[in-house]
């Protein structure tokens, strides 16, 4: 299974990768994107099974990418790992078709709970 991780911070992509491994999902193929445009391009190129995205990124925000993907008929499980977590953001994410919304800081146990049903 392919997991696409998008965040404009390389360090945060590494933290998400490490946390996925700690949660028992290290055997999946992990692909990275450094901004919203790369997220869209990598999605089209790699056809991932799950997308984990930051909200705020250059080029396109995560929710903008999600809206474009949904408008094009892509129904891949897509969600957010972000430091910002307002009720409005959660509502916008859900309305756009997001499956999950994880606030930083996060734990391996939290990833297991959220991603267990999606990745197993």
PDB file of N, CA and C in Angstrom:
ATOM      1  N   UNK A   1       0.839  -1.178   0.000  1.00  0.00           N
ATOM      2  CA  UNK A   1       0.000   0.000   0.000  1.00  0.00           C
ATOM      3  C   UNK A   1       0.888   1.246   0.000  1.00  0.00           C
ATOM      4  N   UNK A   2       0.508   2.250  -0.798  1.00  0.00           N
ATOM      5  CA  UNK A   2       1.271   3.496  -0.878  1.00  0.00           C
ATOM      6  C   UNK A   2       0.613   4.578  -0.030  1.00  0.00           C
ATOM      7  N   UNK A   3       1.444   5.256   0.773  1.00  0.00           N
ATOM      8  CA  UNK A   3       0.981   6.377   1.589  1.00  0.00           C
ATOM      9  C   UNK A   3       1.748   7.613   1.147  1.00  0.00           C
ATOM     10  N   UNK A   4       1.027   8.652   0.740  1.00  0.00           N
ATOM     11  CA  UNK A   4       1.635   9.912   0.337  1.00  0.00           C
ATOM     12  C   UNK A   4       1.558  10.888   1.506  1.00  0.00           C
ATOM     13  N   UNK A   5       2.722  11.367   1.937  1.00  0.00           N
ATOM     14  CA  UNK A   5       2.836  12.300   3.056  1.00  0.00           C
ATOM     15  C   UNK A   5       3.241  13.654   2.498  1.00  0.00           C
ATOM     16  N   UNK A   6       2.404  14.676   2.721  1.00  0.00           N
ATOM     17  CA  UNK A   6       2.683  16.010   2.190  1.00  0.00           C
ATOM     18  C   UNK A   6       2.788  17.019   3.324  1.00  0.00           C
ATOM     19  N   UNK A   7       3.933  17.689   3.371  1.00  0.00           N
ATOM     20  CA  UNK A   7       4.156  18.763   4.347  1.00  0.00           C
ATOM     21  C   UNK A   7       5.308  19.594   3.826  1.00  0.00           C
ATOM     22  N   UNK A   8       5.229  20.911   3.986  1.00  0.00           N
ATOM     23  CA  UNK A   8       6.313  21.751   3.501  1.00  0.00           C
ATOM     24  C   UNK A   8       7.529  21.716   4.421  1.00  0.00           C
ATOM     25  N   UNK A   9       7.402  21.085   5.567  1.00  0.00           N
ATOM     26  CA  UNK A   9       8.534  20.900   6.472  1.00  0.00           C
ATOM     27  C   UNK A   9       9.096  19.481   6.315  1.00  0.00           C
ATOM     28  N   UNK A  10      10.347  19.385   5.885  1.00  0.00           N
ATOM     29  CA  UNK A  10      10.990  18.075   5.751  1.00  0.00           C
ATOM     30  C   UNK A  10      11.018  17.358   7.091  1.00  0.00           C
ATOM     31  N   UNK A  11      11.289  18.105   8.154  1.00  0.00           N
ATOM     32  CA  UNK A  11      11.339  17.520   9.495  1.00  0.00           C
ATOM     33  C   UNK A  11       9.978  16.931   9.864  1.00  0.00           C
ATOM     34  N   UNK A  12       8.906  17.635   9.553  1.00  0.00           N
ATOM     35  CA  UNK A  12       7.577  17.112   9.891  1.00  0.00           C
ATOM     36  C   UNK A  12       7.258  15.871   9.069  1.00  0.00           C
ATOM     37  N   UNK A  13       7.679  15.829   7.819  1.00  0.00           N
ATOM     38  CA  UNK A  13       7.481  14.608   7.018  1.00  0.00           C
ATOM     39  C   UNK A  13       8.216  13.442   7.667  1.00  0.00           C
ATOM     40  N   UNK A  14       9.420  13.702   8.176  1.00  0.00           N
ATOM     41  CA  UNK A  14      10.184  12.650   8.856  1.00  0.00           C
ATOM     42  C   UNK A  14       9.492  12.207  10.145  1.00  0.00           C
ATOM     43  N   UNK A  15       8.914  13.146  10.868  1.00  0.00           N
ATOM     44  CA  UNK A  15       8.206  12.809  12.111  1.00  0.00           C
ATOM     45  C   UNK A  15       6.975  11.964  11.802  1.00  0.00           C
ATOM     46  N   UNK A  16       6.226  12.336  10.778  1.00  0.00           N
ATOM     47  CA  UNK A  16       5.052  11.545  10.392  1.00  0.00           C
ATOM     48  C   UNK A  16       5.493  10.145   9.968  1.00  0.00           C
ATOM     49  N   UNK A  17       6.559  10.051   9.183  1.00  0.00           N
ATOM     50  CA  UNK A  17       7.084   8.756   8.753  1.00  0.00           C
ATOM     51  C   UNK A  17       7.486   7.909   9.952  1.00  0.00           C
ATOM     52  N   UNK A  18       8.239   8.499  10.876  1.00  0.00           N
ATOM     53  CA  UNK A  18       8.668   7.765  12.077  1.00  0.00           C
ATOM     54  C   UNK A  18       7.456   7.306  12.892  1.00  0.00           C
ATOM     55  N   UNK A  19       6.473   8.165  13.039  1.00  0.00           N
ATOM     56  CA  UNK A  19       5.294   7.809  13.822  1.00  0.00           C
ATOM     57  C   UNK A  19       4.504   6.694  13.151  1.00  0.00           C
ATOM     58  N   UNK A  20       4.400   6.726  11.827  1.00  0.00           N
ATOM     59  CA  UNK A  20       3.744   5.624  11.118  1.00  0.00           C
ATOM     60  C   UNK A  20       4.473   4.309  11.382  1.00  0.00           C
ATOM     61  N   UNK A  21       5.792   4.342  11.336  1.00  0.00           N
ATOM     62  CA  UNK A  21       6.577   3.131  11.608  1.00  0.00           C
ATOM     63  C   UNK A  21       6.362   2.646  13.036  1.00  0.00           C
ATOM     64  N   UNK A  22       6.378   3.582  13.993  1.00  0.00           N
ATOM     65  CA  UNK A  22       6.157   3.222  15.400  1.00  0.00           C
ATOM     66  C   UNK A  22       4.759   2.633  15.599  1.00  0.00           C
ATOM     67  N   UNK A  23       3.819   3.079  14.791  1.00  0.00           N
ATOM     68  CA  UNK A  23       2.445   2.591  14.900  1.00  0.00           C
ATOM     69  C   UNK A  23       2.244   1.261  14.174  1.00  0.00           C
ATOM     70  N   UNK A  24       3.306   0.753  13.542  1.00  0.00           N
ATOM     71  CA  UNK A  24       3.219  -0.542  12.887  1.00  0.00           C
ATOM     72  C   UNK A  24       2.915  -0.501  11.405  1.00  0.00           C
ATOM     73  N   UNK A  25       3.056   0.669  10.789  1.00  0.00           N
ATOM     74  CA  UNK A  25       2.754   0.799   9.365  1.00  0.00           C
ATOM     75  C   UNK A  25       4.006   1.010   8.519  1.00  0.00           C
ATOM     76  N   UNK A  26       5.151   0.591   9.020  1.00  0.00           N
ATOM     77  CA  UNK A  26       6.420   0.800   8.337  1.00  0.00           C
ATOM     78  C   UNK A  26       6.629  -0.044   7.108  1.00  0.00           C
ATOM     79  N   UNK A  27       5.808  -1.062   6.909  1.00  0.00           N
ATOM     80  CA  UNK A  27       5.982  -1.919   5.739  1.00  0.00           C
ATOM     81  C   UNK A  27       5.282  -1.368   4.496  1.00  0.00           C
ATOM     82  N   UNK A  28       4.581  -0.250   4.625  1.00  0.00           N
ATOM     83  CA  UNK A  28       3.933   0.378   3.487  1.00  0.00           C
ATOM     84  C   UNK A  28       4.938   1.267   2.746  1.00  0.00           C
ATOM     85  N   UNK A  29       4.699   1.501   1.471  1.00  0.00           N
ATOM     86  CA  UNK A  29       5.556   2.391   0.690  1.00  0.00           C
ATOM     87  C   UNK A  29       5.178   3.832   1.016  1.00  0.00           C
ATOM     88  N   UNK A  30       6.157   4.596   1.507  1.00  0.00           N
ATOM     89  CA  UNK A  30       5.918   5.980   1.906  1.00  0.00           C
ATOM     90  C   UNK A  30       6.512   6.922   0.873  1.00  0.00           C
ATOM     91  N   UNK A  31       5.694   7.823   0.361  1.00  0.00           N
ATOM     92  CA  UNK A  31       6.082   8.790  -0.666  1.00  0.00           C
ATOM     93  C   UNK A  31       5.903  10.177  -0.067  1.00  0.00           C
ATOM     94  N   UNK A  32       6.779  11.121  -0.418  1.00  0.00           N
ATOM     95  CA  UNK A  32       6.715  12.457   0.165  1.00  0.00           C
ATOM     96  C   UNK A  32       6.498  13.536  -0.890  1.00  0.00           C
ATOM     97  N   UNK A  33       5.825  14.602  -0.452  1.00  0.00           N
ATOM     98  CA  UNK A  33       5.652  15.811  -1.259  1.00  0.00           C
ATOM     99  C   UNK A  33       5.904  17.008  -0.350  1.00  0.00           C
ATOM    100  N   UNK A  34       6.599  18.033  -0.892  1.00  0.00           N
ATOM    101  CA  UNK A  34       7.008  19.175  -0.089  1.00  0.00           C
ATOM    102  C   UNK A  34       6.118  20.394  -0.184  1.00  0.00           C
ATOM    103  N   UNK A  35       5.089  20.362  -1.032  1.00  0.00           N
ATOM    104  CA  UNK A  35       4.140  21.467  -1.090  1.00  0.00           C
ATOM    105  C   UNK A  35       2.870  20.976  -1.783  1.00  0.00           C
ATOM    106  N   UNK A  36       1.894  21.858  -1.876  1.00  0.00           N
ATOM    107  CA  UNK A  36       0.611  21.456  -2.445  1.00  0.00           C
ATOM    108  C   UNK A  36       0.678  21.046  -3.897  1.00  0.00           C
ATOM    109  N   UNK A  37       1.462  21.740  -4.690  1.00  0.00           N
ATOM    110  CA  UNK A  37       1.597  21.398  -6.105  1.00  0.00           C
ATOM    111  C   UNK A  37       2.259  20.025  -6.253  1.00  0.00           C
ATOM    112  N   UNK A  38       3.325  19.777  -5.461  1.00  0.00           N
ATOM    113  CA  UNK A  38       3.972  18.459  -5.496  1.00  0.00           C
ATOM    114  C   UNK A  38       3.001  17.376  -5.036  1.00  0.00           C
ATOM    115  N   UNK A  39       2.177  17.701  -4.052  1.00  0.00           N
ATOM    116  CA  UNK A  39       1.185  16.740  -3.583  1.00  0.00           C
ATOM    117  C   UNK A  39       0.283  16.316  -4.739  1.00  0.00           C
ATOM    118  N   UNK A  40      -0.234  17.272  -5.457  1.00  0.00           N
ATOM    119  CA  UNK A  40      -1.104  16.945  -6.589  1.00  0.00           C
ATOM    120  C   UNK A  40      -0.343  16.133  -7.642  1.00  0.00           C
ATOM    121  N   UNK A  41       0.853  16.601  -7.999  1.00  0.00           N
ATOM    122  CA  UNK A  41       1.636  15.912  -9.028  1.00  0.00           C
ATOM    123  C   UNK A  41       2.004  14.494  -8.606  1.00  0.00           C
ATOM    124  N   UNK A  42       2.450  14.329  -7.353  1.00  0.00           N
ATOM    125  CA  UNK A  42       2.811  12.990  -6.855  1.00  0.00           C
ATOM    126  C   UNK A  42       1.582  12.092  -6.812  1.00  0.00           C
ATOM    127  N   UNK A  43       0.449  12.672  -6.436  1.00  0.00           N
ATOM    128  CA  UNK A  43      -0.784  11.885  -6.414  1.00  0.00           C
ATOM    129  C   UNK A  43      -1.077  11.327  -7.812  1.00  0.00           C
ATOM    130  N   UNK A  44      -0.999  12.186  -8.803  1.00  0.00           N
ATOM    131  CA  UNK A  44      -1.306  11.764 -10.169  1.00  0.00           C
ATOM    132  C   UNK A  44      -0.290  10.742 -10.678  1.00  0.00           C
ATOM    133  N   UNK A  45       0.957  10.898 -10.289  1.00  0.00           N
ATOM    134  CA  UNK A  45       2.028  10.000 -10.736  1.00  0.00           C
ATOM    135  C   UNK A  45       2.003   8.664 -10.008  1.00  0.00           C
ATOM    136  N   UNK A  46       1.844   8.699  -8.700  1.00  0.00           N
ATOM    137  CA  UNK A  46       2.008   7.503  -7.870  1.00  0.00           C
ATOM    138  C   UNK A  46       0.710   6.751  -7.564  1.00  0.00           C
ATOM    139  N   UNK A  47      -0.434   7.424  -7.662  1.00  0.00           N
ATOM    140  CA  UNK A  47      -1.726   6.813  -7.328  1.00  0.00           C
ATOM    141  C   UNK A  47      -1.696   6.160  -5.936  1.00  0.00           C
ATOM    142  N   UNK A  48      -1.458   6.962  -4.879  1.00  0.00           N
ATOM    143  CA  UNK A  48      -1.364   6.397  -3.535  1.00  0.00           C
ATOM    144  C   UNK A  48      -2.714   5.865  -3.050  1.00  0.00           C
ATOM    145  N   UNK A  49      -2.635   5.016  -2.023  1.00  0.00           N
ATOM    146  CA  UNK A  49      -3.835   4.442  -1.418  1.00  0.00           C
ATOM    147  C   UNK A  49      -4.379   5.327  -0.300  1.00  0.00           C
ATOM    148  N   UNK A  50      -3.512   6.164   0.282  1.00  0.00           N
ATOM    149  CA  UNK A  50      -3.883   7.073   1.372  1.00  0.00           C
ATOM    150  C   UNK A  50      -3.038   8.326   1.245  1.00  0.00           C
ATOM    151  N   UNK A  51      -3.629   9.489   1.569  1.00  0.00           N
ATOM    152  CA  UNK A  51      -2.891  10.745   1.600  1.00  0.00           C
ATOM    153  C   UNK A  51      -2.984  11.343   2.994  1.00  0.00           C
ATOM    154  N   UNK A  52      -1.813  11.711   3.531  1.00  0.00           N
ATOM    155  CA  UNK A  52      -1.718  12.419   4.806  1.00  0.00           C
ATOM    156  C   UNK A  52      -1.101  13.769   4.485  1.00  0.00           C
ATOM    157  N   UNK A  53      -1.852  14.848   4.710  1.00  0.00           N
ATOM    158  CA  UNK A  53      -1.412  16.160   4.271  1.00  0.00           C
ATOM    159  C   UNK A  53      -1.420  17.180   5.394  1.00  0.00           C
ATOM    160  N   UNK A  54      -0.476  18.113   5.304  1.00  0.00           N
ATOM    161  CA  UNK A  54      -0.528  19.319   6.124  1.00  0.00           C
ATOM    162  C   UNK A  54      -1.626  20.202   5.546  1.00  0.00           C
ATOM    163  N   UNK A  55      -2.108  21.127   6.328  1.00  0.00           N
ATOM    164  CA  UNK A  55      -3.152  22.046   5.858  1.00  0.00           C
ATOM    165  C   UNK A  55      -2.539  23.191   5.059  1.00  0.00           C
ATOM    166  N   UNK A  56      -1.599  23.907   5.695  1.00  0.00           N
ATOM    167  CA  UNK A  56      -0.986  25.089   5.078  1.00  0.00           C
ATOM    168  C   UNK A  56       0.320  24.720   4.397  1.00  0.00           C
ATOM    169  N   UNK A  57       0.338  24.861   3.071  1.00  0.00           N
ATOM    170  CA  UNK A  57       1.545  24.611   2.298  1.00  0.00           C
ATOM    171  C   UNK A  57       1.587  25.615   1.151  1.00  0.00           C
ATOM    172  N   UNK A  58       2.793  25.911   0.653  1.00  0.00           N
ATOM    173  CA  UNK A  58       2.895  26.788  -0.518  1.00  0.00           C
ATOM    174  C   UNK A  58       2.327  26.118  -1.767  1.00  0.00           C
ATOM    175  N   UNK A  59       2.003  26.937  -2.743  1.00  0.00           N
ATOM    176  CA  UNK A  59       1.478  26.415  -4.008  1.00  0.00           C
ATOM    177  C   UNK A  59      -0.013  26.216  -3.936  1.00  0.00           C
ATOM    178  N   UNK A  60      -0.430  25.240  -3.181  1.00  0.00           N
ATOM    179  CA  UNK A  60      -1.841  24.959  -2.902  1.00  0.00           C
ATOM    180  C   UNK A  60      -1.912  24.462  -1.471  1.00  0.00           C
ATOM    181  N   UNK A  61      -2.965  24.818  -0.759  1.00  0.00           N
ATOM    182  CA  UNK A  61      -3.144  24.261   0.579  1.00  0.00           C
ATOM    183  C   UNK A  61      -3.606  22.814   0.445  1.00  0.00           C
ATOM    184  N   UNK A  62      -3.492  22.082   1.520  1.00  0.00           N
ATOM    185  CA  UNK A  62      -3.938  20.694   1.498  1.00  0.00           C
ATOM    186  C   UNK A  62      -5.409  20.566   1.142  1.00  0.00           C
ATOM    187  N   UNK A  63      -6.242  21.434   1.702  1.00  0.00           N
ATOM    188  CA  UNK A  63      -7.677  21.343   1.413  1.00  0.00           C
ATOM    189  C   UNK A  63      -7.979  21.737  -0.036  1.00  0.00           C
ATOM    190  N   UNK A  64      -7.194  22.643  -0.608  1.00  0.00           N
ATOM    191  CA  UNK A  64      -7.379  22.967  -2.026  1.00  0.00           C
ATOM    192  C   UNK A  64      -7.065  21.754  -2.894  1.00  0.00           C
ATOM    193  N   UNK A  65      -5.996  21.049  -2.567  1.00  0.00           N
ATOM    194  CA  UNK A  65      -5.658  19.832  -3.322  1.00  0.00           C
ATOM    195  C   UNK A  65      -6.775  18.811  -3.171  1.00  0.00           C
ATOM    196  N   UNK A  66      -7.261  18.629  -1.955  1.00  0.00           N
ATOM    197  CA  UNK A  66      -8.345  17.674  -1.726  1.00  0.00           C
ATOM    198  C   UNK A  66      -9.569  18.024  -2.566  1.00  0.00           C
ATOM    199  N   UNK A  67      -9.932  19.286  -2.593  1.00  0.00           N
ATOM    200  CA  UNK A  67     -11.099  19.702  -3.388  1.00  0.00           C
ATOM    201  C   UNK A  67     -10.906  19.403  -4.871  1.00  0.00           C
ATOM    202  N   UNK A  68      -9.697  19.674  -5.384  1.00  0.00           N
ATOM    203  CA  UNK A  68      -9.418  19.384  -6.790  1.00  0.00           C
ATOM    204  C   UNK A  68      -9.507  17.883  -7.053  1.00  0.00           C
ATOM    205  N   UNK A  69      -8.897  17.094  -6.184  1.00  0.00           N
ATOM    206  CA  UNK A  69      -8.931  15.642  -6.374  1.00  0.00           C
ATOM    207  C   UNK A  69     -10.364  15.111  -6.359  1.00  0.00           C
ATOM    208  N   UNK A  70     -11.155  15.585  -5.413  1.00  0.00           N
ATOM    209  CA  UNK A  70     -12.543  15.130  -5.341  1.00  0.00           C
ATOM    210  C   UNK A  70     -13.322  15.571  -6.589  1.00  0.00           C
ATOM    211  N   UNK A  71     -13.059  16.782  -7.072  1.00  0.00           N
ATOM    212  CA  UNK A  71     -13.772  17.266  -8.262  1.00  0.00           C
ATOM    213  C   UNK A  71     -13.404  16.449  -9.496  1.00  0.00           C
ATOM    214  N   UNK A  72     -12.225  15.838  -9.472  1.00  0.00           N
ATOM    215  CA  UNK A  72     -11.784  14.994 -10.582  1.00  0.00           C
ATOM    216  C   UNK A  72     -12.209  13.539 -10.405  1.00  0.00           C
ATOM    217  N   UNK A  73     -12.922  13.248  -9.324  1.00  0.00           N
ATOM    218  CA  UNK A  73     -13.444  11.901  -9.113  1.00  0.00           C
ATOM    219  C   UNK A  73     -12.548  10.959  -8.332  1.00  0.00           C
ATOM    220  N   UNK A  74     -11.480  11.454  -7.730  1.00  0.00           N
ATOM    221  CA  UNK A  74     -10.584  10.614  -6.933  1.00  0.00           C
ATOM    222  C   UNK A  74     -11.130  10.491  -5.510  1.00  0.00           C
ATOM    223  N   UNK A  75     -11.326   9.271  -5.053  1.00  0.00           N
ATOM    224  CA  UNK A  75     -11.925   9.038  -3.741  1.00  0.00           C
ATOM    225  C   UNK A  75     -10.973   8.409  -2.744  1.00  0.00           C
ATOM    226  N   UNK A  76      -9.684   8.600  -2.931  1.00  0.00           N
ATOM    227  CA  UNK A  76      -8.682   8.039  -2.031  1.00  0.00           C
ATOM    228  C   UNK A  76      -8.899   8.578  -0.615  1.00  0.00           C
ATOM    229  N   UNK A  77      -8.692   7.739   0.414  1.00  0.00           N
ATOM    230  CA  UNK A  77      -8.744   8.252   1.785  1.00  0.00           C
ATOM    231  C   UNK A  77      -7.713   9.368   1.958  1.00  0.00           C
ATOM    232  N   UNK A  78      -8.158  10.520   2.420  1.00  0.00           N
ATOM    233  CA  UNK A  78      -7.337  11.726   2.494  1.00  0.00           C
ATOM    234  C   UNK A  78      -7.642  12.391   3.828  1.00  0.00           C
ATOM    235  N   UNK A  79      -6.574  12.786   4.532  1.00  0.00           N
ATOM    236  CA  UNK A  79      -6.790  13.480   5.796  1.00  0.00           C
ATOM    237  C   UNK A  79      -5.638  14.393   6.127  1.00  0.00           C
ATOM    238  N   UNK A  80      -5.789  15.066   7.247  1.00  0.00           N
ATOM    239  CA  UNK A  80      -4.852  16.115   7.624  1.00  0.00           C
ATOM    240  C   UNK A  80      -4.173  15.837   8.946  1.00  0.00           C
ATOM    241  N   UNK A  81      -2.875  16.173   8.994  1.00  0.00           N
ATOM    242  CA  UNK A  81      -2.101  16.242  10.224  1.00  0.00           C
ATOM    243  C   UNK A  81      -1.595  17.672  10.270  1.00  0.00           C
ATOM    244  N   UNK A  82      -2.078  18.447  11.216  1.00  0.00           N
ATOM    245  CA  UNK A  82      -1.768  19.870  11.215  1.00  0.00           C
ATOM    246  C   UNK A  82      -1.707  20.437  12.628  1.00  0.00           C
ATOM    247  N   UNK A  83      -0.957  21.513  12.797  1.00  0.00           N
ATOM    248  CA  UNK A  83      -0.861  22.158  14.098  1.00  0.00           C
ATOM    249  C   UNK A  83      -2.061  23.060  14.354  1.00  0.00           C
ATOM    250  N   UNK A  84      -2.723  23.465  13.292  1.00  0.00           N
ATOM    251  CA  UNK A  84      -3.921  24.294  13.429  1.00  0.00           C
ATOM    252  C   UNK A  84      -5.141  23.389  13.404  1.00  0.00           C
ATOM    253  N   UNK A  85      -6.034  23.609  14.338  1.00  0.00           N
ATOM    254  CA  UNK A  85      -7.181  22.709  14.426  1.00  0.00           C
ATOM    255  C   UNK A  85      -8.399  23.468  14.933  1.00  0.00           C
ATOM    256  N   UNK A  86      -8.934  24.344  14.105  1.00  0.00           N
ATOM    257  CA  UNK A  86     -10.141  25.057  14.493  1.00  0.00           C
ATOM    258  C   UNK A  86     -11.363  24.257  14.058  1.00  0.00           C
ATOM    259  N   UNK A  87     -12.485  24.581  14.656  1.00  0.00           N
ATOM    260  CA  UNK A  87     -13.733  23.922  14.268  1.00  0.00           C
ATOM    261  C   UNK A  87     -14.047  24.212  12.799  1.00  0.00           C
ATOM    262  N   UNK A  88     -13.740  25.428  12.354  1.00  0.00           N
ATOM    263  CA  UNK A  88     -13.998  25.794  10.961  1.00  0.00           C
ATOM    264  C   UNK A  88     -13.147  24.960  10.009  1.00  0.00           C
ATOM    265  N   UNK A  89     -11.879  24.726  10.389  1.00  0.00           N
ATOM    266  CA  UNK A  89     -10.994  23.905   9.549  1.00  0.00           C
ATOM    267  C   UNK A  89     -11.514  22.477   9.473  1.00  0.00           C
ATOM    268  N   UNK A  90     -11.930  21.943  10.614  1.00  0.00           N
ATOM    269  CA  UNK A  90     -12.449  20.580  10.620  1.00  0.00           C
ATOM    270  C   UNK A  90     -13.705  20.474   9.770  1.00  0.00           C
ATOM    271  N   UNK A  91     -14.569  21.480   9.847  1.00  0.00           N
ATOM    272  CA  UNK A  91     -15.786  21.481   9.029  1.00  0.00           C
ATOM    273  C   UNK A  91     -15.437  21.569   7.544  1.00  0.00           C
ATOM    274  N   UNK A  92     -14.474  22.429   7.199  1.00  0.00           N
ATOM    275  CA  UNK A  92     -14.054  22.568   5.799  1.00  0.00           C
ATOM    276  C   UNK A  92     -13.442  21.270   5.288  1.00  0.00           C
ATOM    277  N   UNK A  93     -12.644  20.622   6.125  1.00  0.00           N
ATOM    278  CA  UNK A  93     -12.021  19.355   5.736  1.00  0.00           C
ATOM    279  C   UNK A  93     -13.076  18.285   5.492  1.00  0.00           C
ATOM    280  N   UNK A  94     -14.031  18.187   6.399  1.00  0.00           N
ATOM    281  CA  UNK A  94     -15.095  17.197   6.254  1.00  0.00           C
ATOM    282  C   UNK A  94     -15.934  17.484   5.018  1.00  0.00           C
ATOM    283  N   UNK A  95     -16.274  18.749   4.813  1.00  0.00           N
ATOM    284  CA  UNK A  95     -17.074  19.126   3.638  1.00  0.00           C
ATOM    285  C   UNK A  95     -16.345  18.821   2.336  1.00  0.00           C
ATOM    286  N   UNK A  96     -15.013  18.923   2.354  1.00  0.00           N
ATOM    287  CA  UNK A  96     -14.216  18.642   1.155  1.00  0.00           C
ATOM    288  C   UNK A  96     -14.027  17.151   0.927  1.00  0.00           C
ATOM    289  N   UNK A  97     -14.329  16.338   1.942  1.00  0.00           N
ATOM    290  CA  UNK A  97     -14.207  14.893   1.789  1.00  0.00           C
ATOM    291  C   UNK A  97     -13.082  14.257   2.570  1.00  0.00           C
ATOM    292  N   UNK A  98     -12.545  14.970   3.570  1.00  0.00           N
ATOM    293  CA  UNK A  98     -11.462  14.402   4.383  1.00  0.00           C
ATOM    294  C   UNK A  98     -11.995  13.275   5.266  1.00  0.00           C
ATOM    295  N   UNK A  99     -11.162  12.273   5.456  1.00  0.00           N
ATOM    296  CA  UNK A  99     -11.528  11.120   6.275  1.00  0.00           C
ATOM    297  C   UNK A  99     -11.089  11.297   7.726  1.00  0.00           C
ATOM    298  N   UNK A 100      -9.998  12.052   7.950  1.00  0.00           N
ATOM    299  CA  UNK A 100      -9.491  12.238   9.310  1.00  0.00           C
ATOM    300  C   UNK A 100      -8.833  13.599   9.445  1.00  0.00           C
ATOM    301  N   UNK A 101      -8.683  14.033  10.685  1.00  0.00           N
ATOM    302  CA  UNK A 101      -8.073  15.320  11.009  1.00  0.00           C
ATOM    303  C   UNK A 101      -7.326  15.116  12.316  1.00  0.00           C
ATOM    304  N   UNK A 102      -5.989  15.095  12.255  1.00  0.00           N
ATOM    305  CA  UNK A 102      -5.155  14.838  13.426  1.00  0.00           C
ATOM    306  C   UNK A 102      -4.414  16.113  13.795  1.00  0.00           C
ATOM    307  N   UNK A 103      -4.492  16.486  15.062  1.00  0.00           N
ATOM    308  CA  UNK A 103      -3.791  17.679  15.539  1.00  0.00           C
ATOM    309  C   UNK A 103      -2.405  17.303  16.049  1.00  0.00           C
ATOM    310  N   UNK A 104      -1.437  18.193  15.786  1.00  0.00           N
ATOM    311  CA  UNK A 104      -0.104  18.045  16.353  1.00  0.00           C
ATOM    312  C   UNK A 104      -0.159  18.602  17.770  1.00  0.00           C
ATOM    313  N   UNK A 105       0.528  18.034  18.721  1.00  0.00           N
ATOM    314  CA  UNK A 105       1.369  16.848  18.594  1.00  0.00           C
ATOM    315  C   UNK A 105       0.522  15.578  18.548  1.00  0.00           C
ATOM    316  N   UNK A 106       1.065  14.543  17.956  1.00  0.00           N
ATOM    317  CA  UNK A 106       0.358  13.279  17.823  1.00  0.00           C
ATOM    318  C   UNK A 106       1.242  12.161  18.337  1.00  0.00           C
ATOM    319  N   UNK A 107       0.644  10.987  18.515  1.00  0.00           N
ATOM    320  CA  UNK A 107       1.361   9.831  19.048  1.00  0.00           C
ATOM    321  C   UNK A 107       1.190   8.633  18.125  1.00  0.00           C
ATOM    322  N   UNK A 108       2.040   7.644  18.316  1.00  0.00           N
ATOM    323  CA  UNK A 108       1.908   6.398  17.557  1.00  0.00           C
ATOM    324  C   UNK A 108       0.569   5.734  17.870  1.00  0.00           C
ATOM    325  N   UNK A 109       0.142   5.817  19.125  1.00  0.00           N
ATOM    326  CA  UNK A 109      -1.142   5.220  19.507  1.00  0.00           C
ATOM    327  C   UNK A 109      -2.292   5.902  18.766  1.00  0.00           C
ATOM    328  N   UNK A 110      -2.216   7.227  18.651  1.00  0.00           N
ATOM    329  CA  UNK A 110      -3.239   7.957  17.910  1.00  0.00           C
ATOM    330  C   UNK A 110      -3.260   7.560  16.448  1.00  0.00           C
ATOM    331  N   UNK A 111      -2.066   7.366  15.868  1.00  0.00           N
ATOM    332  CA  UNK A 111      -1.987   6.931  14.466  1.00  0.00           C
ATOM    333  C   UNK A 111      -2.580   5.529  14.313  1.00  0.00           C
ATOM    334  N   UNK A 112      -2.303   4.653  15.254  1.00  0.00           N
ATOM    335  CA  UNK A 112      -2.845   3.301  15.201  1.00  0.00           C
ATOM    336  C   UNK A 112      -4.372   3.343  15.202  1.00  0.00           C
ATOM    337  N   UNK A 113      -4.914   4.195  16.058  1.00  0.00           N
ATOM    338  CA  UNK A 113      -6.368   4.324  16.174  1.00  0.00           C
ATOM    339  C   UNK A 113      -6.984   4.858  14.880  1.00  0.00           C
ATOM    340  N   UNK A 114      -6.373   5.894  14.318  1.00  0.00           N
ATOM    341  CA  UNK A 114      -6.908   6.517  13.112  1.00  0.00           C
ATOM    342  C   UNK A 114      -6.668   5.673  11.866  1.00  0.00           C
ATOM    343  N   UNK A 115      -5.415   5.192  11.702  1.00  0.00           N
ATOM    344  CA  UNK A 115      -5.038   4.536  10.462  1.00  0.00           C
ATOM    345  C   UNK A 115      -5.260   3.036  10.455  1.00  0.00           C
ATOM    346  N   UNK A 116      -5.472   2.441  11.604  1.00  0.00           N
ATOM    347  CA  UNK A 116      -5.704   0.999  11.663  1.00  0.00           C
ATOM    348  C   UNK A 116      -6.758   0.524  10.692  1.00  0.00           C
ATOM    349  N   UNK A 117      -7.960   1.121  10.735  1.00  0.00           N
ATOM    350  CA  UNK A 117      -9.018   0.678   9.823  1.00  0.00           C
ATOM    351  C   UNK A 117      -8.697   0.985   8.345  1.00  0.00           C
ATOM    352  N   UNK A 118      -7.921   2.018   8.088  1.00  0.00           N
ATOM    353  CA  UNK A 118      -7.623   2.444   6.714  1.00  0.00           C
ATOM    354  C   UNK A 118      -6.491   1.629   6.092  1.00  0.00           C
ATOM    355  N   UNK A 119      -5.456   1.328   6.888  1.00  0.00           N
ATOM    356  CA  UNK A 119      -4.230   0.750   6.347  1.00  0.00           C
ATOM    357  C   UNK A 119      -4.075  -0.755   6.534  1.00  0.00           C
ATOM    358  N   UNK A 120      -4.950  -1.386   7.207  1.00  0.00           N
ATOM    359  CA  UNK A 120      -4.770  -2.819   7.433  1.00  0.00           C
ATOM    360  C   UNK A 120      -5.567  -3.658   6.468  1.00  0.00           C
TER     361      UNK A 120
END
